[in-house]
Amino acid sequence: IKVLEERNFPVSSLKALASARSVGKK
């Protein structure tokens, strides 16, 4: 995520996915 931002990769939307135990984290 940090590299996408630092490199100005053209992201129109980002979805952060993980296991159930990480749901709701930011």
mmCIF file of all heavy atoms, coordinates in Angstrom:
data_MODEL
# 
_entry.id   MODEL 
# 
loop_
_atom_site.group_PDB 
_atom_site.id 
_atom_site.type_symbol 
_atom_site.label_atom_id 
_atom_site.label_alt_id 
_atom_site.label_comp_id 
_atom_site.label_asym_id 
_atom_site.label_entity_id 
_atom_site.label_seq_id 
_atom_site.pdbx_PDB_ins_code 
_atom_site.Cartn_x 
_atom_site.Cartn_y 
_atom_site.Cartn_z 
_atom_site.occupancy 
_atom_site.B_iso_or_equiv 
_atom_site.pdbx_formal_charge 
_atom_site.auth_seq_id 
_atom_site.auth_comp_id 
_atom_site.auth_asym_id 
_atom_site.auth_atom_id 
_atom_site.pdbx_PDB_model_num 
ATOM 1   N N   . ILE A 1 1  ? 0.842   -1.197  0.000   1.00 0.00 ? 1  ILE A N   1 
ATOM 2   C CA  . ILE A 1 1  ? 0.000   0.000   0.000   1.00 0.00 ? 1  ILE A CA  1 
ATOM 3   C C   . ILE A 1 1  ? 0.874   1.244   0.000   1.00 0.00 ? 1  ILE A C   1 
ATOM 4   O O   . ILE A 1 1  ? 0.628   2.200   -0.744  1.00 0.00 ? 1  ILE A O   1 
ATOM 5   C CB  . ILE A 1 1  ? -0.973  -0.022  1.195   1.00 0.00 ? 1  ILE A CB  1 
ATOM 6   C CG1 . ILE A 1 1  ? -1.990  -1.157  1.006   1.00 0.00 ? 1  ILE A CG1 1 
ATOM 7   C CG2 . ILE A 1 1  ? -1.676  1.323   1.354   1.00 0.00 ? 1  ILE A CG2 1 
ATOM 8   C CD1 . ILE A 1 1  ? -2.835  -1.448  2.218   1.00 0.00 ? 1  ILE A CD1 1 
ATOM 9   N N   . LYS A 1 2  ? 1.908   1.230   0.801   1.00 0.00 ? 2  LYS A N   1 
ATOM 10  C CA  . LYS A 1 2  ? 2.830   2.370   0.874   1.00 0.00 ? 2  LYS A CA  1 
ATOM 11  C C   . LYS A 1 2  ? 3.511   2.613   -0.474  1.00 0.00 ? 2  LYS A C   1 
ATOM 12  O O   . LYS A 1 2  ? 3.623   3.763   -0.930  1.00 0.00 ? 2  LYS A O   1 
ATOM 13  C CB  . LYS A 1 2  ? 3.876   2.109   1.965   1.00 0.00 ? 2  LYS A CB  1 
ATOM 14  C CG  . LYS A 1 2  ? 4.840   3.240   2.178   1.00 0.00 ? 2  LYS A CG  1 
ATOM 15  C CD  . LYS A 1 2  ? 5.808   2.917   3.309   1.00 0.00 ? 2  LYS A CD  1 
ATOM 16  C CE  . LYS A 1 2  ? 6.809   4.039   3.490   1.00 0.00 ? 2  LYS A CE  1 
ATOM 17  N NZ  . LYS A 1 2  ? 7.783   3.747   4.543   1.00 0.00 ? 2  LYS A NZ  1 
ATOM 18  N N   . VAL A 1 3  ? 3.962   1.556   -1.133  1.00 0.00 ? 3  VAL A N   1 
ATOM 19  C CA  . VAL A 1 3  ? 4.638   1.696   -2.431  1.00 0.00 ? 3  VAL A CA  1 
ATOM 20  C C   . VAL A 1 3  ? 3.664   2.196   -3.501  1.00 0.00 ? 3  VAL A C   1 
ATOM 21  O O   . VAL A 1 3  ? 4.027   3.041   -4.331  1.00 0.00 ? 3  VAL A O   1 
ATOM 22  C CB  . VAL A 1 3  ? 5.315   0.369   -2.849  1.00 0.00 ? 3  VAL A CB  1 
ATOM 23  C CG1 . VAL A 1 3  ? 5.788   0.421   -4.291  1.00 0.00 ? 3  VAL A CG1 1 
ATOM 24  C CG2 . VAL A 1 3  ? 6.478   0.056   -1.911  1.00 0.00 ? 3  VAL A CG2 1 
ATOM 25  N N   . LEU A 1 4  ? 2.434   1.706   -3.499  1.00 0.00 ? 4  LEU A N   1 
ATOM 26  C CA  . LEU A 1 4  ? 1.440   2.214   -4.449  1.00 0.00 ? 4  LEU A CA  1 
ATOM 27  C C   . LEU A 1 4  ? 1.303   3.728   -4.314  1.00 0.00 ? 4  LEU A C   1 
ATOM 28  O O   . LEU A 1 4  ? 1.240   4.455   -5.309  1.00 0.00 ? 4  LEU A O   1 
ATOM 29  C CB  . LEU A 1 4  ? 0.080   1.553   -4.213  1.00 0.00 ? 4  LEU A CB  1 
ATOM 30  C CG  . LEU A 1 4  ? -0.078  0.100   -4.638  1.00 0.00 ? 4  LEU A CG  1 
ATOM 31  C CD1 . LEU A 1 4  ? -1.399  -0.462  -4.116  1.00 0.00 ? 4  LEU A CD1 1 
ATOM 32  C CD2 . LEU A 1 4  ? 0.012   -0.045  -6.149  1.00 0.00 ? 4  LEU A CD2 1 
ATOM 33  N N   . GLU A 1 5  ? 1.277   4.190   -3.072  1.00 0.00 ? 5  GLU A N   1 
ATOM 34  C CA  . GLU A 1 5  ? 1.144   5.622   -2.812  1.00 0.00 ? 5  GLU A CA  1 
ATOM 35  C C   . GLU A 1 5  ? 2.418   6.378   -3.184  1.00 0.00 ? 5  GLU A C   1 
ATOM 36  O O   . GLU A 1 5  ? 2.358   7.391   -3.889  1.00 0.00 ? 5  GLU A O   1 
ATOM 37  C CB  . GLU A 1 5  ? 0.800   5.841   -1.337  1.00 0.00 ? 5  GLU A CB  1 
ATOM 38  C CG  . GLU A 1 5  ? 0.494   7.284   -1.008  1.00 0.00 ? 5  GLU A CG  1 
ATOM 39  C CD  . GLU A 1 5  ? -0.042  7.438   0.407   1.00 0.00 ? 5  GLU A CD  1 
ATOM 40  O OE1 . GLU A 1 5  ? -0.078  6.463   1.195   1.00 0.00 ? 5  GLU A OE1 1 
ATOM 41  O OE2 . GLU A 1 5  ? -0.427  8.568   0.732   1.00 0.00 ? 5  GLU A OE2 1 
ATOM 42  N N   . GLU A 1 6  ? 3.568   5.898   -2.745  1.00 0.00 ? 6  GLU A N   1 
ATOM 43  C CA  . GLU A 1 6  ? 4.838   6.588   -3.018  1.00 0.00 ? 6  GLU A CA  1 
ATOM 44  C C   . GLU A 1 6  ? 5.141   6.693   -4.510  1.00 0.00 ? 6  GLU A C   1 
ATOM 45  O O   . GLU A 1 6  ? 5.707   7.683   -4.966  1.00 0.00 ? 6  GLU A O   1 
ATOM 46  C CB  . GLU A 1 6  ? 5.995   5.859   -2.330  1.00 0.00 ? 6  GLU A CB  1 
ATOM 47  C CG  . GLU A 1 6  ? 6.031   6.031   -0.834  1.00 0.00 ? 6  GLU A CG  1 
ATOM 48  C CD  . GLU A 1 6  ? 7.129   5.213   -0.171  1.00 0.00 ? 6  GLU A CD  1 
ATOM 49  O OE1 . GLU A 1 6  ? 7.771   4.368   -0.838  1.00 0.00 ? 6  GLU A OE1 1 
ATOM 50  O OE2 . GLU A 1 6  ? 7.353   5.430   1.037   1.00 0.00 ? 6  GLU A OE2 1 
ATOM 51  N N   . ARG A 1 7  ? 4.780   5.655   -5.260  1.00 0.00 ? 7  ARG A N   1 
ATOM 52  C CA  . ARG A 1 7  ? 5.058   5.619   -6.698  1.00 0.00 ? 7  ARG A CA  1 
ATOM 53  C C   . ARG A 1 7  ? 3.955   6.263   -7.530  1.00 0.00 ? 7  ARG A C   1 
ATOM 54  O O   . ARG A 1 7  ? 4.001   6.241   -8.754  1.00 0.00 ? 7  ARG A O   1 
ATOM 55  C CB  . ARG A 1 7  ? 5.269   4.176   -7.166  1.00 0.00 ? 7  ARG A CB  1 
ATOM 56  C CG  . ARG A 1 7  ? 6.424   3.483   -6.507  1.00 0.00 ? 7  ARG A CG  1 
ATOM 57  C CD  . ARG A 1 7  ? 7.721   4.066   -6.957  1.00 0.00 ? 7  ARG A CD  1 
ATOM 58  N NE  . ARG A 1 7  ? 8.826   3.370   -6.329  1.00 0.00 ? 7  ARG A NE  1 
ATOM 59  C CZ  . ARG A 1 7  ? 10.033  3.357   -6.805  1.00 0.00 ? 7  ARG A CZ  1 
ATOM 60  N NH1 . ARG A 1 7  ? 10.315  3.992   -7.907  1.00 0.00 ? 7  ARG A NH1 1 
ATOM 61  N NH2 . ARG A 1 7  ? 10.983  2.729   -6.176  1.00 0.00 ? 7  ARG A NH2 1 
ATOM 62  N N   . ASN A 1 8  ? 2.957   6.805   -6.845  1.00 0.00 ? 8  ASN A N   1 
ATOM 63  C CA  . ASN A 1 8  ? 1.825   7.435   -7.528  1.00 0.00 ? 8  ASN A CA  1 
ATOM 64  C C   . ASN A 1 8  ? 1.188   6.508   -8.554  1.00 0.00 ? 8  ASN A C   1 
ATOM 65  O O   . ASN A 1 8  ? 0.817   6.924   -9.657  1.00 0.00 ? 8  ASN A O   1 
ATOM 66  C CB  . ASN A 1 8  ? 2.238   8.753   -8.190  1.00 0.00 ? 8  ASN A CB  1 
ATOM 67  C CG  . ASN A 1 8  ? 2.593   9.795   -7.166  1.00 0.00 ? 8  ASN A CG  1 
ATOM 68  O OD1 . ASN A 1 8  ? 1.893   9.974   -6.179  1.00 0.00 ? 8  ASN A OD1 1 
ATOM 69  N ND2 . ASN A 1 8  ? 3.705   10.462  -7.375  1.00 0.00 ? 8  ASN A ND2 1 
ATOM 70  N N   . PHE A 1 9  ? 1.073   5.230   -8.190  1.00 0.00 ? 9  PHE A N   1 
ATOM 71  C CA  . PHE A 1 9  ? 0.409   4.284   -9.069  1.00 0.00 ? 9  PHE A CA  1 
ATOM 72  C C   . PHE A 1 9  ? -1.025  4.747   -9.258  1.00 0.00 ? 9  PHE A C   1 
ATOM 73  O O   . PHE A 1 9  ? -1.680  5.178   -8.304  1.00 0.00 ? 9  PHE A O   1 
ATOM 74  C CB  . PHE A 1 9  ? 0.442   2.880   -8.448  1.00 0.00 ? 9  PHE A CB  1 
ATOM 75  C CG  . PHE A 1 9  ? -0.029  1.804   -9.379  1.00 0.00 ? 9  PHE A CG  1 
ATOM 76  C CD1 . PHE A 1 9  ? 0.829   1.280   -10.328 1.00 0.00 ? 9  PHE A CD1 1 
ATOM 77  C CD2 . PHE A 1 9  ? -1.330  1.336   -9.317  1.00 0.00 ? 9  PHE A CD2 1 
ATOM 78  C CE1 . PHE A 1 9  ? 0.399   0.289   -11.205 1.00 0.00 ? 9  PHE A CE1 1 
ATOM 79  C CE2 . PHE A 1 9  ? -1.768  0.353   -10.178 1.00 0.00 ? 9  PHE A CE2 1 
ATOM 80  C CZ  . PHE A 1 9  ? -0.904  -0.173  -11.131 1.00 0.00 ? 9  PHE A CZ  1 
ATOM 81  N N   . PRO A 1 10 ? -1.533  4.705   -10.496 1.00 0.00 ? 10 PRO A N   1 
ATOM 82  C CA  . PRO A 1 10 ? -2.875  5.253   -10.757 1.00 0.00 ? 10 PRO A CA  1 
ATOM 83  C C   . PRO A 1 10 ? -3.985  4.372   -10.172 1.00 0.00 ? 10 PRO A C   1 
ATOM 84  O O   . PRO A 1 10 ? -4.523  3.492   -10.831 1.00 0.00 ? 10 PRO A O   1 
ATOM 85  C CB  . PRO A 1 10 ? -2.937  5.299   -12.283 1.00 0.00 ? 10 PRO A CB  1 
ATOM 86  C CG  . PRO A 1 10 ? -1.977  4.256   -12.746 1.00 0.00 ? 10 PRO A CG  1 
ATOM 87  C CD  . PRO A 1 10 ? -0.883  4.230   -11.718 1.00 0.00 ? 10 PRO A CD  1 
ATOM 88  N N   . VAL A 1 11 ? -4.326  4.619   -8.916  1.00 0.00 ? 11 VAL A N   1 
ATOM 89  C CA  . VAL A 1 11 ? -5.358  3.870   -8.204  1.00 0.00 ? 11 VAL A CA  1 
ATOM 90  C C   . VAL A 1 11 ? -6.602  4.748   -8.098  1.00 0.00 ? 11 VAL A C   1 
ATOM 91  O O   . VAL A 1 11 ? -6.554  5.832   -7.526  1.00 0.00 ? 11 VAL A O   1 
ATOM 92  C CB  . VAL A 1 11 ? -4.879  3.478   -6.788  1.00 0.00 ? 11 VAL A CB  1 
ATOM 93  C CG1 . VAL A 1 11 ? -5.987  2.804   -6.005  1.00 0.00 ? 11 VAL A CG1 1 
ATOM 94  C CG2 . VAL A 1 11 ? -3.644  2.591   -6.867  1.00 0.00 ? 11 VAL A CG2 1 
ATOM 95  N N   . SER A 1 12 ? -7.705  4.262   -8.659  1.00 0.00 ? 12 SER A N   1 
ATOM 96  C CA  . SER A 1 12 ? -8.959  4.998   -8.506  1.00 0.00 ? 12 SER A CA  1 
ATOM 97  C C   . SER A 1 12 ? -9.680  4.576   -7.237  1.00 0.00 ? 12 SER A C   1 
ATOM 98  O O   . SER A 1 12 ? -10.397 5.364   -6.628  1.00 0.00 ? 12 SER A O   1 
ATOM 99  C CB  . SER A 1 12 ? -9.868  4.813   -9.717  1.00 0.00 ? 12 SER A CB  1 
ATOM 100 O OG  . SER A 1 12 ? -10.240 3.454   -9.854  1.00 0.00 ? 12 SER A OG  1 
ATOM 101 N N   . SER A 1 13 ? -9.485  3.309   -6.837  1.00 0.00 ? 13 SER A N   1 
ATOM 102 C CA  . SER A 1 13 ? -10.039 2.838   -5.567  1.00 0.00 ? 13 SER A CA  1 
ATOM 103 C C   . SER A 1 13 ? -9.157  1.709   -5.049  1.00 0.00 ? 13 SER A C   1 
ATOM 104 O O   . SER A 1 13 ? -8.583  0.954   -5.825  1.00 0.00 ? 13 SER A O   1 
ATOM 105 C CB  . SER A 1 13 ? -11.477 2.360   -5.731  1.00 0.00 ? 13 SER A CB  1 
ATOM 106 O OG  . SER A 1 13 ? -11.532 1.202   -6.535  1.00 0.00 ? 13 SER A OG  1 
ATOM 107 N N   . LEU A 1 14 ? -9.058  1.644   -3.735  1.00 0.00 ? 14 LEU A N   1 
ATOM 108 C CA  . LEU A 1 14 ? -8.255  0.607   -3.093  1.00 0.00 ? 14 LEU A CA  1 
ATOM 109 C C   . LEU A 1 14 ? -9.142  -0.154  -2.126  1.00 0.00 ? 14 LEU A C   1 
ATOM 110 O O   . LEU A 1 14 ? -9.869  0.452   -1.323  1.00 0.00 ? 14 LEU A O   1 
ATOM 111 C CB  . LEU A 1 14 ? -7.078  1.213   -2.326  1.00 0.00 ? 14 LEU A CB  1 
ATOM 112 C CG  . LEU A 1 14 ? -6.182  0.187   -1.646  1.00 0.00 ? 14 LEU A CG  1 
ATOM 113 C CD1 . LEU A 1 14 ? -5.291  -0.501  -2.679  1.00 0.00 ? 14 LEU A CD1 1 
ATOM 114 C CD2 . LEU A 1 14 ? -5.332  0.827   -0.575  1.00 0.00 ? 14 LEU A CD2 1 
ATOM 115 N N   . LYS A 1 15 ? -9.086  -1.471  -2.210  1.00 0.00 ? 15 LYS A N   1 
ATOM 116 C CA  . LYS A 1 15 ? -9.820  -2.336  -1.295  1.00 0.00 ? 15 LYS A CA  1 
ATOM 117 C C   . LYS A 1 15 ? -8.779  -3.083  -0.468  1.00 0.00 ? 15 LYS A C   1 
ATOM 118 O O   . LYS A 1 15 ? -7.907  -3.753  -1.008  1.00 0.00 ? 15 LYS A O   1 
ATOM 119 C CB  . LYS A 1 15 ? -10.688 -3.316  -2.082  1.00 0.00 ? 15 LYS A CB  1 
ATOM 120 C CG  . LYS A 1 15 ? -11.610 -4.145  -1.216  1.00 0.00 ? 15 LYS A CG  1 
ATOM 121 C CD  . LYS A 1 15 ? -12.448 -5.097  -2.048  1.00 0.00 ? 15 LYS A CD  1 
ATOM 122 C CE  . LYS A 1 15 ? -13.726 -4.428  -2.490  1.00 0.00 ? 15 LYS A CE  1 
ATOM 123 N NZ  . LYS A 1 15 ? -14.715 -5.429  -2.987  1.00 0.00 ? 15 LYS A NZ  1 
ATOM 124 N N   . ALA A 1 16 ? -8.852  -2.942  0.841   1.00 0.00 ? 16 ALA A N   1 
ATOM 125 C CA  . ALA A 1 16 ? -7.949  -3.624  1.761   1.00 0.00 ? 16 ALA A CA  1 
ATOM 126 C C   . ALA A 1 16 ? -8.635  -4.894  2.246   1.00 0.00 ? 16 ALA A C   1 
ATOM 127 O O   . ALA A 1 16 ? -9.701  -4.830  2.849   1.00 0.00 ? 16 ALA A O   1 
ATOM 128 C CB  . ALA A 1 16 ? -7.605  -2.710  2.933   1.00 0.00 ? 16 ALA A CB  1 
ATOM 129 N N   . LEU A 1 17 ? -8.030  -6.040  1.953   1.00 0.00 ? 17 LEU A N   1 
ATOM 130 C CA  . LEU A 1 17 ? -8.631  -7.325  2.295   1.00 0.00 ? 17 LEU A CA  1 
ATOM 131 C C   . LEU A 1 17 ? -7.728  -8.105  3.241   1.00 0.00 ? 17 LEU A C   1 
ATOM 132 O O   . LEU A 1 17 ? -6.503  -8.039  3.126   1.00 0.00 ? 17 LEU A O   1 
ATOM 133 C CB  . LEU A 1 17 ? -8.859  -8.146  1.023   1.00 0.00 ? 17 LEU A CB  1 
ATOM 134 C CG  . LEU A 1 17 ? -9.782  -7.522  -0.010  1.00 0.00 ? 17 LEU A CG  1 
ATOM 135 C CD1 . LEU A 1 17 ? -9.721  -8.295  -1.317  1.00 0.00 ? 17 LEU A CD1 1 
ATOM 136 C CD2 . LEU A 1 17 ? -11.204 -7.450  0.517   1.00 0.00 ? 17 LEU A CD2 1 
ATOM 137 N N   . ALA A 1 18 ? -8.346  -8.836  4.165   1.00 0.00 ? 18 ALA A N   1 
ATOM 138 C CA  . ALA A 1 18 ? -7.588  -9.639  5.119   1.00 0.00 ? 18 ALA A CA  1 
ATOM 139 C C   . ALA A 1 18 ? -8.521  -10.687 5.719   1.00 0.00 ? 18 ALA A C   1 
ATOM 140 O O   . ALA A 1 18 ? -9.684  -10.801 5.329   1.00 0.00 ? 18 ALA A O   1 
ATOM 141 C CB  . ALA A 1 18 ? -6.987  -8.748  6.205   1.00 0.00 ? 18 ALA A CB  1 
ATOM 142 N N   . SER A 1 19 ? -8.002  -11.422 6.676   1.00 0.00 ? 19 SER A N   1 
ATOM 143 C CA  . SER A 1 19 ? -8.802  -12.456 7.339   1.00 0.00 ? 19 SER A CA  1 
ATOM 144 C C   . SER A 1 19 ? -9.861  -11.809 8.234   1.00 0.00 ? 19 SER A C   1 
ATOM 145 O O   . SER A 1 19 ? -9.816  -10.612 8.521   1.00 0.00 ? 19 SER A O   1 
ATOM 146 C CB  . SER A 1 19 ? -7.896  -13.351 8.181   1.00 0.00 ? 19 SER A CB  1 
ATOM 147 O OG  . SER A 1 19 ? -7.358  -12.610 9.260   1.00 0.00 ? 19 SER A OG  1 
ATOM 148 N N   . ALA A 1 20 ? -10.784 -12.634 8.703   1.00 0.00 ? 20 ALA A N   1 
ATOM 149 C CA  . ALA A 1 20 ? -11.884 -12.148 9.542   1.00 0.00 ? 20 ALA A CA  1 
ATOM 150 C C   . ALA A 1 20 ? -11.378 -11.422 10.791  1.00 0.00 ? 20 ALA A C   1 
ATOM 151 O O   . ALA A 1 20 ? -11.994 -10.460 11.237  1.00 0.00 ? 20 ALA A O   1 
ATOM 152 C CB  . ALA A 1 20 ? -12.794 -13.312 9.937   1.00 0.00 ? 20 ALA A CB  1 
ATOM 153 N N   . ARG A 1 21 ? -10.256 -11.858 11.325  1.00 0.00 ? 21 ARG A N   1 
ATOM 154 C CA  . ARG A 1 21 ? -9.771  -11.216 12.560  1.00 0.00 ? 21 ARG A CA  1 
ATOM 155 C C   . ARG A 1 21 ? -9.285  -9.784  12.339  1.00 0.00 ? 21 ARG A C   1 
ATOM 156 O O   . ARG A 1 21 ? -9.133  -9.024  13.294  1.00 0.00 ? 21 ARG A O   1 
ATOM 157 C CB  . ARG A 1 21 ? -8.697  -12.072 13.228  1.00 0.00 ? 21 ARG A CB  1 
ATOM 158 C CG  . ARG A 1 21 ? -7.378  -12.115 12.523  1.00 0.00 ? 21 ARG A CG  1 
ATOM 159 C CD  . ARG A 1 21 ? -6.360  -12.951 13.315  1.00 0.00 ? 21 ARG A CD  1 
ATOM 160 N NE  . ARG A 1 21 ? -5.098  -12.993 12.626  1.00 0.00 ? 21 ARG A NE  1 
ATOM 161 C CZ  . ARG A 1 21 ? -4.731  -13.926 11.761  1.00 0.00 ? 21 ARG A CZ  1 
ATOM 162 N NH1 . ARG A 1 21 ? -5.530  -14.924 11.490  1.00 0.00 ? 21 ARG A NH1 1 
ATOM 163 N NH2 . ARG A 1 21 ? -3.557  -13.879 11.178  1.00 0.00 ? 21 ARG A NH2 1 
ATOM 164 N N   . SER A 1 22 ? -9.043  -9.396  11.091  1.00 0.00 ? 22 SER A N   1 
ATOM 165 C CA  . SER A 1 22 ? -8.585  -8.032  10.802  1.00 0.00 ? 22 SER A CA  1 
ATOM 166 C C   . SER A 1 22 ? -9.698  -7.107  10.327  1.00 0.00 ? 22 SER A C   1 
ATOM 167 O O   . SER A 1 22 ? -9.473  -5.921  10.114  1.00 0.00 ? 22 SER A O   1 
ATOM 168 C CB  . SER A 1 22 ? -7.487  -8.057  9.735   1.00 0.00 ? 22 SER A CB  1 
ATOM 169 O OG  . SER A 1 22 ? -6.326  -8.671  10.244  1.00 0.00 ? 22 SER A OG  1 
ATOM 170 N N   . VAL A 1 23 ? -10.901 -7.649  10.165  1.00 0.00 ? 23 VAL A N   1 
ATOM 171 C CA  . VAL A 1 23 ? -12.022 -6.836  9.689   1.00 0.00 ? 23 VAL A CA  1 
ATOM 172 C C   . VAL A 1 23 ? -12.246 -5.662  10.629  1.00 0.00 ? 23 VAL A C   1 
ATOM 173 O O   . VAL A 1 23 ? -12.234 -5.813  11.851  1.00 0.00 ? 23 VAL A O   1 
ATOM 174 C CB  . VAL A 1 23 ? -13.304 -7.694  9.572   1.00 0.00 ? 23 VAL A CB  1 
ATOM 175 C CG1 . VAL A 1 23 ? -14.528 -6.829  9.315   1.00 0.00 ? 23 VAL A CG1 1 
ATOM 176 C CG2 . VAL A 1 23 ? -13.139 -8.711  8.460   1.00 0.00 ? 23 VAL A CG2 1 
ATOM 177 N N   . GLY A 1 24 ? -12.422 -4.503  10.035  1.00 0.00 ? 24 GLY A N   1 
ATOM 178 C CA  . GLY A 1 24 ? -12.663 -3.296  10.819  1.00 0.00 ? 24 GLY A CA  1 
ATOM 179 C C   . GLY A 1 24 ? -11.415 -2.501  11.133  1.00 0.00 ? 24 GLY A C   1 
ATOM 180 O O   . GLY A 1 24 ? -11.500 -1.336  11.483  1.00 0.00 ? 24 GLY A O   1 
ATOM 181 N N   . LYS A 1 25 ? -10.233 -3.123  10.994  1.00 0.00 ? 25 LYS A N   1 
ATOM 182 C CA  . LYS A 1 25 ? -9.003  -2.353  11.167  1.00 0.00 ? 25 LYS A CA  1 
ATOM 183 C C   . LYS A 1 25 ? -8.937  -1.324  10.053  1.00 0.00 ? 25 LYS A C   1 
ATOM 184 O O   . LYS A 1 25 ? -9.638  -1.419  9.046   1.00 0.00 ? 25 LYS A O   1 
ATOM 185 C CB  . LYS A 1 25 ? -7.774  -3.260  11.121  1.00 0.00 ? 25 LYS A CB  1 
ATOM 186 C CG  . LYS A 1 25 ? -7.640  -4.157  12.334  1.00 0.00 ? 25 LYS A CG  1 
ATOM 187 C CD  . LYS A 1 25 ? -6.356  -4.939  12.299  1.00 0.00 ? 25 LYS A CD  1 
ATOM 188 C CE  . LYS A 1 25 ? -6.230  -5.803  13.536  1.00 0.00 ? 25 LYS A CE  1 
ATOM 189 N NZ  . LYS A 1 25 ? -4.979  -6.582  13.516  1.00 0.00 ? 25 LYS A NZ  1 
ATOM 190 N N   . LYS A 1 26 ? -8.099  -0.348  10.210  1.00 0.00 ? 26 LYS A N   1 
ATOM 191 C CA  . LYS A 1 26 ? -7.995  0.737   9.231   1.00 0.00 ? 26 LYS A CA  1 
ATOM 192 C C   . LYS A 1 26 ? -6.585  0.787   8.650   1.00 0.00 ? 26 LYS A C   1 
ATOM 193 O O   . LYS A 1 26 ? -5.613  0.516   9.340   1.00 0.00 ? 26 LYS A O   1 
ATOM 194 C CB  . LYS A 1 26 ? -8.303  2.076   9.896   1.00 0.00 ? 26 LYS A CB  1 
ATOM 195 C CG  . LYS A 1 26 ? -9.561  2.101   10.747  1.00 0.00 ? 26 LYS A CG  1 
ATOM 196 C CD  . LYS A 1 26 ? -10.743 2.560   9.972   1.00 0.00 ? 26 LYS A CD  1 
ATOM 197 C CE  . LYS A 1 26 ? -11.912 2.906   10.857  1.00 0.00 ? 26 LYS A CE  1 
ATOM 198 N NZ  . LYS A 1 26 ? -12.861 1.883   11.097  1.00 0.00 ? 26 LYS A NZ  1 
# 
